[in-house]
Amino acid sequence: MIEGDPNGEPPRRPWSRCVVNGEIRYIVAMFRWGVSQELVETSTWQGLLSVDPLKDGRSPARKKQNVKPVPDEFVEAVLPFVSRQIAAMIELQHRTGMRGDEIFQMRTKDIDTSGKVWLYRPQSHKTKHRGHDRVVALGPHAQATLSPWLRTKLDEYLFQPTEAEKERLEAGKQIKKGERLVPRWHPHQLRHNYGTAVRKQFDAEFARVALGHKNLQTTEIHAERDKSVSLMVAERLG
């Protein structure tokens, strides 16, 4: 995990300390499930629990780099080279700070368009298993981006890979070999763009709410306040 696998297919970079610790937790959880199913001896799982996680500065694992916002001009530069579906997804994430999986699973039936600010409730999300609700407020910019993709079949996914690939091939959108427009960036950085914009105009607490981050002490009273905050942010920035 620490050294990576340069000879693999495809080659794999060394993992950061945080990634290694996360993967070890998954392995331990797998053995815990094995114990619950009487497939593994309890002593094996208990032995794994004794393994200390990698500590900062005390292991050869590389340090995880902080995710930073991507410059807006870099975002704009890639749009002519992607399908309409991908361009819409990029714009949505830029305007709402949604996680990628929340955009992938969007369906018309999950979006309440009755109000000035639309409300999207993903069918599954990162904190659902903890009993948390996830409501994404969609302001005027996000609505304009999303409107052409709403479907009459309410349970169909809005953005479908087969349609996107077909349009991309028909349009001939591709980057010529050897051509590089901008430095490499990844979609998760767009969440940081949105969070940064919210913090600048409001504050860090507003950014937490807008990005769907949960405080473990959040109560139902706080949840109602969070909803009103999301509406206000989306109406102004989304």
C-alpha atoms as a PDB file:
ATOM      1  CA  MET A   1       0.000   0.000   0.000  1.00  0.00           C
ATOM      2  CA  ILE A   2       2.782   2.411   0.940  1.00  0.00           C
ATOM      3  CA  GLU A   3       5.123   1.548  -1.928  1.00  0.00           C
ATOM      4  CA  GLY A   4       2.514   1.322  -4.702  1.00  0.00           C
ATOM      5  CA  ASP A   5       2.852  -1.012  -7.667  1.00  0.00           C
ATOM      6  CA  PRO A   6       4.705   0.606 -10.594  1.00  0.00           C
ATOM      7  CA  ASN A   7       4.624  -2.663 -12.551  1.00  0.00           C
ATOM      8  CA  GLY A   8       0.904  -3.248 -12.136  1.00  0.00           C
ATOM      9  CA  GLU A   9      -1.748  -3.088 -14.850  1.00  0.00           C
ATOM     10  CA  PRO A  10      -2.375  -0.217 -14.613  1.00  0.00           C
ATOM     11  CA  PRO A  11       0.522   1.028 -12.439  1.00  0.00           C
ATOM     12  CA  ARG A  12      -0.592   2.240  -9.018  1.00  0.00           C
ATOM     13  CA  ARG A  13       0.856   5.203  -7.170  1.00  0.00           C
ATOM     14  CA  PRO A  14       1.845   4.864  -3.512  1.00  0.00           C
ATOM     15  CA  TRP A  15      -1.093   5.543  -1.227  1.00  0.00           C
ATOM     16  CA  SER A  16      -1.096   8.342   1.329  1.00  0.00           C
ATOM     17  CA  ARG A  17      -1.155   7.670   5.060  1.00  0.00           C
ATOM     18  CA  CYS A  18      -4.866   8.509   5.295  1.00  0.00           C
ATOM     19  CA  VAL A  19      -5.775   6.190   2.411  1.00  0.00           C
ATOM     20  CA  VAL A  20      -3.759   3.324   3.896  1.00  0.00           C
ATOM     21  CA  ASN A  21      -5.435   3.760   7.292  1.00  0.00           C
ATOM     22  CA  GLY A  22      -8.847   3.846   5.617  1.00  0.00           C
ATOM     23  CA  GLU A  23      -8.176   0.633   3.684  1.00  0.00           C
ATOM     24  CA  ILE A  24      -6.971  -1.102   6.855  1.00  0.00           C
ATOM     25  CA  ARG A  25     -10.245  -0.135   8.555  1.00  0.00           C
ATOM     26  CA  TYR A  26     -12.159  -1.777   5.690  1.00  0.00           C
ATOM     27  CA  ILE A  27     -10.125  -4.964   6.116  1.00  0.00           C
ATOM     28  CA  VAL A  28     -10.766  -5.041   9.871  1.00  0.00           C
ATOM     29  CA  ALA A  29     -14.489  -4.460   9.249  1.00  0.00           C
ATOM     30  CA  MET A  30     -14.498  -7.379   6.792  1.00  0.00           C
ATOM     31  CA  PHE A  31     -13.042  -9.697   9.438  1.00  0.00           C
ATOM     32  CA  ARG A  32     -15.548  -8.396  12.011  1.00  0.00           C
ATOM     33  CA  TRP A  33     -18.339  -9.391   9.611  1.00  0.00           C
ATOM     34  CA  GLY A  34     -16.645 -12.773   9.209  1.00  0.00           C
ATOM     35  CA  VAL A  35     -16.766 -13.248  12.983  1.00  0.00           C
ATOM     36  CA  SER A  36     -20.477 -12.354  13.029  1.00  0.00           C
ATOM     37  CA  GLN A  37     -21.099 -15.025  10.394  1.00  0.00           C
ATOM     38  CA  GLU A  38     -18.975 -17.582  12.284  1.00  0.00           C
ATOM     39  CA  LEU A  39     -16.544 -17.761   9.369  1.00  0.00           C
ATOM     40  CA  VAL A  40     -13.544 -16.341  11.241  1.00  0.00           C
ATOM     41  CA  GLU A  41     -12.175 -16.966  14.734  1.00  0.00           C
ATOM     42  CA  THR A  42     -12.820 -14.084  17.117  1.00  0.00           C
ATOM     43  CA  SER A  43      -9.141 -14.045  18.075  1.00  0.00           C
ATOM     44  CA  THR A  44      -8.185 -13.204  14.461  1.00  0.00           C
ATOM     45  CA  TRP A  45     -10.349 -10.077  14.465  1.00  0.00           C
ATOM     46  CA  GLN A  46      -9.117  -9.076  17.933  1.00  0.00           C
ATOM     47  CA  GLY A  47      -5.548  -9.437  16.716  1.00  0.00           C
ATOM     48  CA  LEU A  48      -6.241  -7.065  13.831  1.00  0.00           C
ATOM     49  CA  LEU A  49      -7.691  -4.527  16.263  1.00  0.00           C
ATOM     50  CA  SER A  50      -4.298  -4.352  17.965  1.00  0.00           C
ATOM     51  CA  VAL A  51      -2.604  -3.033  14.794  1.00  0.00           C
ATOM     52  CA  ASP A  52      -1.898   0.686  15.251  1.00  0.00           C
ATOM     53  CA  PRO A  53      -2.738   3.068  12.384  1.00  0.00           C
ATOM     54  CA  LEU A  54       0.067   4.880  10.594  1.00  0.00           C
ATOM     55  CA  LYS A  55       0.902   8.095  12.442  1.00  0.00           C
ATOM     56  CA  ASP A  56       1.754  11.426  10.886  1.00  0.00           C
ATOM     57  CA  GLY A  57       5.520  11.810  10.515  1.00  0.00           C
ATOM     58  CA  ARG A  58       6.206   8.300  11.800  1.00  0.00           C
ATOM     59  CA  SER A  59       5.821   6.230   8.660  1.00  0.00           C
ATOM     60  CA  PRO A  60       7.237   6.270   5.117  1.00  0.00           C
ATOM     61  CA  ALA A  61       3.742   6.755   3.682  1.00  0.00           C
ATOM     62  CA  ARG A  62       3.377   9.968   1.739  1.00  0.00           C
ATOM     63  CA  LYS A  63       1.333  12.788   3.232  1.00  0.00           C
ATOM     64  CA  LYS A  64      -2.083  13.400   1.771  1.00  0.00           C
ATOM     65  CA  GLN A  65      -2.256  16.599  -0.231  1.00  0.00           C
ATOM     66  CA  ASN A  66      -5.028  19.009   0.639  1.00  0.00           C
ATOM     67  CA  VAL A  67      -7.687  19.308  -2.059  1.00  0.00           C
ATOM     68  CA  LYS A  68      -7.784  22.855  -3.414  1.00  0.00           C
ATOM     69  CA  PRO A  69     -10.301  24.666  -5.641  1.00  0.00           C
ATOM     70  CA  VAL A  70      -9.648  24.526  -9.374  1.00  0.00           C
ATOM     71  CA  PRO A  71      -9.317  27.904 -11.154  1.00  0.00           C
ATOM     72  CA  ASP A  72     -12.539  28.781 -12.975  1.00  0.00           C
ATOM     73  CA  GLU A  73     -10.685  29.326 -16.247  1.00  0.00           C
ATOM     74  CA  PHE A  74      -9.475  25.710 -16.107  1.00  0.00           C
ATOM     75  CA  VAL A  75     -13.057  24.533 -15.714  1.00  0.00           C
ATOM     76  CA  GLU A  76     -14.237  26.601 -18.673  1.00  0.00           C
ATOM     77  CA  ALA A  77     -11.347  25.374 -20.827  1.00  0.00           C
ATOM     78  CA  VAL A  78     -12.444  21.714 -20.792  1.00  0.00           C
ATOM     79  CA  LEU A  79     -16.134  22.264 -21.588  1.00  0.00           C
ATOM     80  CA  PRO A  80     -15.739  22.389 -25.412  1.00  0.00           C
ATOM     81  CA  PHE A  81     -14.127  18.944 -25.319  1.00  0.00           C
ATOM     82  CA  VAL A  82     -16.763  17.036 -23.349  1.00  0.00           C
ATOM     83  CA  SER A  83     -20.308  15.900 -24.098  1.00  0.00           C
ATOM     84  CA  ARG A  84     -23.298  18.067 -23.201  1.00  0.00           C
ATOM     85  CA  GLN A  85     -24.098  15.698 -20.348  1.00  0.00           C
ATOM     86  CA  ILE A  86     -20.644  15.961 -18.808  1.00  0.00           C
ATOM     87  CA  ALA A  87     -20.639  19.741 -19.268  1.00  0.00           C
ATOM     88  CA  ALA A  88     -23.978  19.963 -17.431  1.00  0.00           C
ATOM     89  CA  MET A  89     -22.688  17.769 -14.614  1.00  0.00           C
ATOM     90  CA  ILE A  90     -19.582  19.939 -14.249  1.00  0.00           C
ATOM     91  CA  GLU A  91     -21.714  23.083 -14.111  1.00  0.00           C
ATOM     92  CA  LEU A  92     -24.060  21.536 -11.532  1.00  0.00           C
ATOM     93  CA  GLN A  93     -21.215  20.512  -9.258  1.00  0.00           C
ATOM     94  CA  HIS A  94     -19.643  23.942  -9.670  1.00  0.00           C
ATOM     95  CA  ARG A  95     -22.898  25.666  -8.697  1.00  0.00           C
ATOM     96  CA  THR A  96     -24.087  23.346  -5.911  1.00  0.00           C
ATOM     97  CA  GLY A  97     -21.055  21.603  -4.433  1.00  0.00           C
ATOM     98  CA  MET A  98     -22.770  18.226  -4.797  1.00  0.00           C
ATOM     99  CA  ARG A  99     -20.758  15.033  -4.555  1.00  0.00           C
ATOM    100  CA  GLY A 100     -20.255  13.220  -7.839  1.00  0.00           C
ATOM    101  CA  ASP A 101     -22.429  10.251  -6.873  1.00  0.00           C
ATOM    102  CA  GLU A 102     -25.292  12.593  -5.991  1.00  0.00           C
ATOM    103  CA  ILE A 103     -25.229  13.965  -9.541  1.00  0.00           C
ATOM    104  CA  PHE A 104     -24.894  10.539 -11.177  1.00  0.00           C
ATOM    105  CA  GLN A 105     -28.108   9.301  -9.556  1.00  0.00           C
ATOM    106  CA  MET A 106     -30.317  12.329 -10.259  1.00  0.00           C
ATOM    107  CA  ARG A 107     -33.858  11.502 -11.381  1.00  0.00           C
ATOM    108  CA  THR A 108     -36.773  13.831 -12.095  1.00  0.00           C
ATOM    109  CA  LYS A 109     -38.841  12.140  -9.363  1.00  0.00           C
ATOM    110  CA  ASP A 110     -36.252  13.163  -6.756  1.00  0.00           C
ATOM    111  CA  ILE A 111     -36.455  16.894  -7.549  1.00  0.00           C
ATOM    112  CA  ASP A 112     -39.145  19.138  -6.072  1.00  0.00           C
ATOM    113  CA  THR A 113     -39.596  21.976  -8.577  1.00  0.00           C
ATOM    114  CA  SER A 114     -42.598  23.599  -6.867  1.00  0.00           C
ATOM    115  CA  GLY A 115     -40.706  26.407  -5.123  1.00  0.00           C
ATOM    116  CA  LYS A 116     -38.490  29.312  -6.112  1.00  0.00           C
ATOM    117  CA  VAL A 117     -35.550  27.167  -5.035  1.00  0.00           C
ATOM    118  CA  TRP A 118     -35.760  23.538  -6.175  1.00  0.00           C
ATOM    119  CA  LEU A 119     -35.020  20.774  -3.685  1.00  0.00           C
ATOM    120  CA  TYR A 120     -33.214  17.607  -4.689  1.00  0.00           C
ATOM    121  CA  ARG A 121     -33.256  14.594  -2.353  1.00  0.00           C
ATOM    122  CA  PRO A 122     -30.747  11.917  -3.461  1.00  0.00           C
ATOM    123  CA  GLN A 123     -32.049   8.380  -3.128  1.00  0.00           C
ATOM    124  CA  SER A 124     -28.773   7.464  -1.408  1.00  0.00           C
ATOM    125  CA  HIS A 125     -26.016   9.593   0.070  1.00  0.00           C
ATOM    126  CA  LYS A 126     -22.925   9.455   2.258  1.00  0.00           C
ATOM    127  CA  THR A 127     -24.628   9.892   5.650  1.00  0.00           C
ATOM    128  CA  LYS A 128     -27.912   8.064   4.973  1.00  0.00           C
ATOM    129  CA  HIS A 129     -26.852   5.106   7.117  1.00  0.00           C
ATOM    130  CA  ARG A 130     -26.652   7.486  10.083  1.00  0.00           C
ATOM    131  CA  GLY A 131     -30.254   8.540   9.631  1.00  0.00           C
ATOM    132  CA  HIS A 132     -29.397  11.951   8.167  1.00  0.00           C
ATOM    133  CA  ASP A 133     -31.449  13.606   5.450  1.00  0.00           C
ATOM    134  CA  ARG A 134     -29.698  15.124   2.457  1.00  0.00           C
ATOM    135  CA  VAL A 135     -31.460  17.935   0.643  1.00  0.00           C
ATOM    136  CA  VAL A 136     -29.613  19.862  -2.081  1.00  0.00           C
ATOM    137  CA  ALA A 137     -30.989  23.325  -2.794  1.00  0.00           C
ATOM    138  CA  LEU A 138     -30.890  24.261  -6.490  1.00  0.00           C
ATOM    139  CA  GLY A 139     -30.849  27.965  -7.274  1.00  0.00           C
ATOM    140  CA  PRO A 140     -31.565  29.745 -10.564  1.00  0.00           C
ATOM    141  CA  HIS A 141     -28.250  28.891 -12.261  1.00  0.00           C
ATOM    142  CA  ALA A 142     -28.499  25.208 -11.346  1.00  0.00           C
ATOM    143  CA  GLN A 143     -32.140  25.147 -12.472  1.00  0.00           C
ATOM    144  CA  ALA A 144     -31.236  26.576 -15.865  1.00  0.00           C
ATOM    145  CA  THR A 145     -28.531  23.936 -16.292  1.00  0.00           C
ATOM    146  CA  LEU A 146     -30.782  21.106 -15.136  1.00  0.00           C
ATOM    147  CA  SER A 147     -34.045  21.986 -16.914  1.00  0.00           C
ATOM    148  CA  PRO A 148     -33.133  20.534 -20.356  1.00  0.00           C
ATOM    149  CA  TRP A 149     -32.361  17.185 -18.737  1.00  0.00           C
ATOM    150  CA  LEU A 150     -35.579  16.635 -16.806  1.00  0.00           C
ATOM    151  CA  ARG A 151     -37.355  13.572 -18.196  1.00  0.00           C
ATOM    152  CA  THR A 152     -40.990  12.656 -18.718  1.00  0.00           C
ATOM    153  CA  LYS A 153     -40.194   9.185 -17.378  1.00  0.00           C
ATOM    154  CA  LEU A 154     -39.728  10.275 -13.800  1.00  0.00           C
ATOM    155  CA  ASP A 155     -37.629   7.339 -12.635  1.00  0.00           C
ATOM    156  CA  GLU A 156     -35.024   7.562 -15.423  1.00  0.00           C
ATOM    157  CA  TYR A 157     -31.571   8.868 -14.600  1.00  0.00           C
ATOM    158  CA  LEU A 158     -30.997  12.323 -16.068  1.00  0.00           C
ATOM    159  CA  PHE A 159     -27.419  11.731 -17.183  1.00  0.00           C
ATOM    160  CA  GLN A 160     -26.880   8.417 -18.943  1.00  0.00           C
ATOM    161  CA  PRO A 161     -23.377   7.309 -20.054  1.00  0.00           C
ATOM    162  CA  THR A 162     -24.555   5.630 -23.259  1.00  0.00           C
ATOM    163  CA  GLU A 163     -26.243   8.815 -24.457  1.00  0.00           C
ATOM    164  CA  ALA A 164     -23.243  10.948 -23.509  1.00  0.00           C
ATOM    165  CA  GLU A 165     -20.773   8.686 -25.295  1.00  0.00           C
ATOM    166  CA  LYS A 166     -22.939   8.516 -28.406  1.00  0.00           C
ATOM    167  CA  GLU A 167     -23.177  12.308 -28.618  1.00  0.00           C
ATOM    168  CA  ARG A 168     -19.474  12.723 -27.945  1.00  0.00           C
ATOM    169  CA  LEU A 169     -18.528  10.360 -30.780  1.00  0.00           C
ATOM    170  CA  GLU A 170     -20.995  11.937 -33.173  1.00  0.00           C
ATOM    171  CA  ALA A 171     -19.687  15.415 -32.390  1.00  0.00           C
ATOM    172  CA  GLY A 172     -16.068  14.263 -32.684  1.00  0.00           C
ATOM    173  CA  LYS A 173     -15.099  15.955 -29.418  1.00  0.00           C
ATOM    174  CA  GLN A 174     -11.670  14.734 -28.451  1.00  0.00           C
ATOM    175  CA  ILE A 175      -8.327  16.132 -27.442  1.00  0.00           C
ATOM    176  CA  LYS A 176      -5.655  15.613 -30.084  1.00  0.00           C
ATOM    177  CA  LYS A 177      -2.753  13.427 -29.107  1.00  0.00           C
ATOM    178  CA  GLY A 178      -0.089  15.447 -27.357  1.00  0.00           C
ATOM    179  CA  GLU A 179      -2.382  18.451 -26.795  1.00  0.00           C
ATOM    180  CA  ARG A 180      -2.796  19.621 -23.218  1.00  0.00           C
ATOM    181  CA  LEU A 181      -5.063  22.549 -22.495  1.00  0.00           C
ATOM    182  CA  VAL A 182      -4.837  22.957 -18.743  1.00  0.00           C
ATOM    183  CA  PRO A 183      -3.214  21.266 -15.734  1.00  0.00           C
ATOM    184  CA  ARG A 184      -5.025  18.132 -14.609  1.00  0.00           C
ATOM    185  CA  TRP A 185      -7.898  18.640 -12.150  1.00  0.00           C
ATOM    186  CA  HIS A 186     -10.621  16.371 -10.791  1.00  0.00           C
ATOM    187  CA  PRO A 187     -14.360  16.881 -10.141  1.00  0.00           C
ATOM    188  CA  HIS A 188     -14.100  16.726  -6.346  1.00  0.00           C
ATOM    189  CA  GLN A 189     -12.202  20.005  -6.469  1.00  0.00           C
ATOM    190  CA  LEU A 190     -15.431  21.676  -7.630  1.00  0.00           C
ATOM    191  CA  ARG A 191     -16.952  21.036  -4.188  1.00  0.00           C
ATOM    192  CA  HIS A 192     -14.098  23.088  -2.782  1.00  0.00           C
ATOM    193  CA  ASN A 193     -14.795  25.846  -5.319  1.00  0.00           C
ATOM    194  CA  TYR A 194     -18.375  26.049  -4.067  1.00  0.00           C
ATOM    195  CA  GLY A 195     -17.393  25.849  -0.406  1.00  0.00           C
ATOM    196  CA  THR A 196     -14.851  28.627  -0.901  1.00  0.00           C
ATOM    197  CA  ALA A 197     -17.438  30.848  -2.619  1.00  0.00           C
ATOM    198  CA  VAL A 198     -19.946  30.302   0.196  1.00  0.00           C
ATOM    199  CA  ARG A 199     -17.357  31.037   2.884  1.00  0.00           C
ATOM    200  CA  LYS A 200     -16.373  34.271   1.164  1.00  0.00           C
ATOM    201  CA  GLN A 201     -19.951  35.538   0.940  1.00  0.00           C
ATOM    202  CA  PHE A 202     -21.263  34.074   4.201  1.00  0.00           C
ATOM    203  CA  ASP A 203     -19.106  32.088   6.656  1.00  0.00           C
ATOM    204  CA  ALA A 204     -17.698  28.639   7.420  1.00  0.00           C
ATOM    205  CA  GLU A 205     -20.922  27.427   9.072  1.00  0.00           C
ATOM    206  CA  PHE A 206     -22.927  28.302   5.961  1.00  0.00           C
ATOM    207  CA  ALA A 207     -20.357  26.427   3.874  1.00  0.00           C
ATOM    208  CA  ARG A 208     -20.733  23.343   6.097  1.00  0.00           C
ATOM    209  CA  VAL A 209     -24.481  23.334   5.576  1.00  0.00           C
ATOM    210  CA  ALA A 210     -24.277  24.011   1.825  1.00  0.00           C
ATOM    211  CA  LEU A 211     -21.846  21.114   1.301  1.00  0.00           C
ATOM    212  CA  GLY A 212     -23.929  18.689   3.345  1.00  0.00           C
ATOM    213  CA  HIS A 213     -21.336  18.189   6.090  1.00  0.00           C
ATOM    214  CA  LYS A 214     -22.924  16.967   9.302  1.00  0.00           C
ATOM    215  CA  ASN A 215     -22.078  17.901  12.854  1.00  0.00           C
ATOM    216  CA  LEU A 216     -22.493  14.849  15.077  1.00  0.00           C
ATOM    217  CA  GLN A 217     -24.328  17.041  17.615  1.00  0.00           C
ATOM    218  CA  THR A 218     -26.879  18.228  15.038  1.00  0.00           C
ATOM    219  CA  THR A 219     -30.473  17.906  16.270  1.00  0.00           C
ATOM    220  CA  GLU A 220     -33.774  18.166  14.436  1.00  0.00           C
ATOM    221  CA  ILE A 221     -33.892  21.843  15.429  1.00  0.00           C
ATOM    222  CA  HIS A 222     -30.526  22.417  13.795  1.00  0.00           C
ATOM    223  CA  ALA A 223     -31.679  20.458  10.746  1.00  0.00           C
ATOM    224  CA  GLU A 224     -34.544  22.896  10.195  1.00  0.00           C
ATOM    225  CA  ARG A 225     -32.113  25.802  10.422  1.00  0.00           C
ATOM    226  CA  ASP A 226     -29.789  24.034   7.973  1.00  0.00           C
ATOM    227  CA  LYS A 227     -32.595  23.807   5.432  1.00  0.00           C
ATOM    228  CA  SER A 228     -33.299  27.536   5.598  1.00  0.00           C
ATOM    229  CA  VAL A 229     -29.578  28.287   5.250  1.00  0.00           C
ATOM    230  CA  SER A 230     -29.332  26.038   2.165  1.00  0.00           C
ATOM    231  CA  LEU A 231     -32.253  27.841   0.531  1.00  0.00           C
ATOM    232  CA  MET A 232     -30.696  31.240   1.157  1.00  0.00           C
ATOM    233  CA  VAL A 233     -27.282  30.208  -0.223  1.00  0.00           C
ATOM    234  CA  ALA A 234     -28.747  28.504  -3.302  1.00  0.00           C
ATOM    235  CA  GLU A 235     -30.963  31.471  -4.149  1.00  0.00           C
ATOM    236  CA  ARG A 236     -27.961  33.782  -4.133  1.00  0.00           C
ATOM    237  CA  LEU A 237     -25.125  31.579  -5.454  1.00  0.00           C
ATOM    238  CA  GLY A 238     -26.698  28.430  -6.964  1.00  0.00           C
END
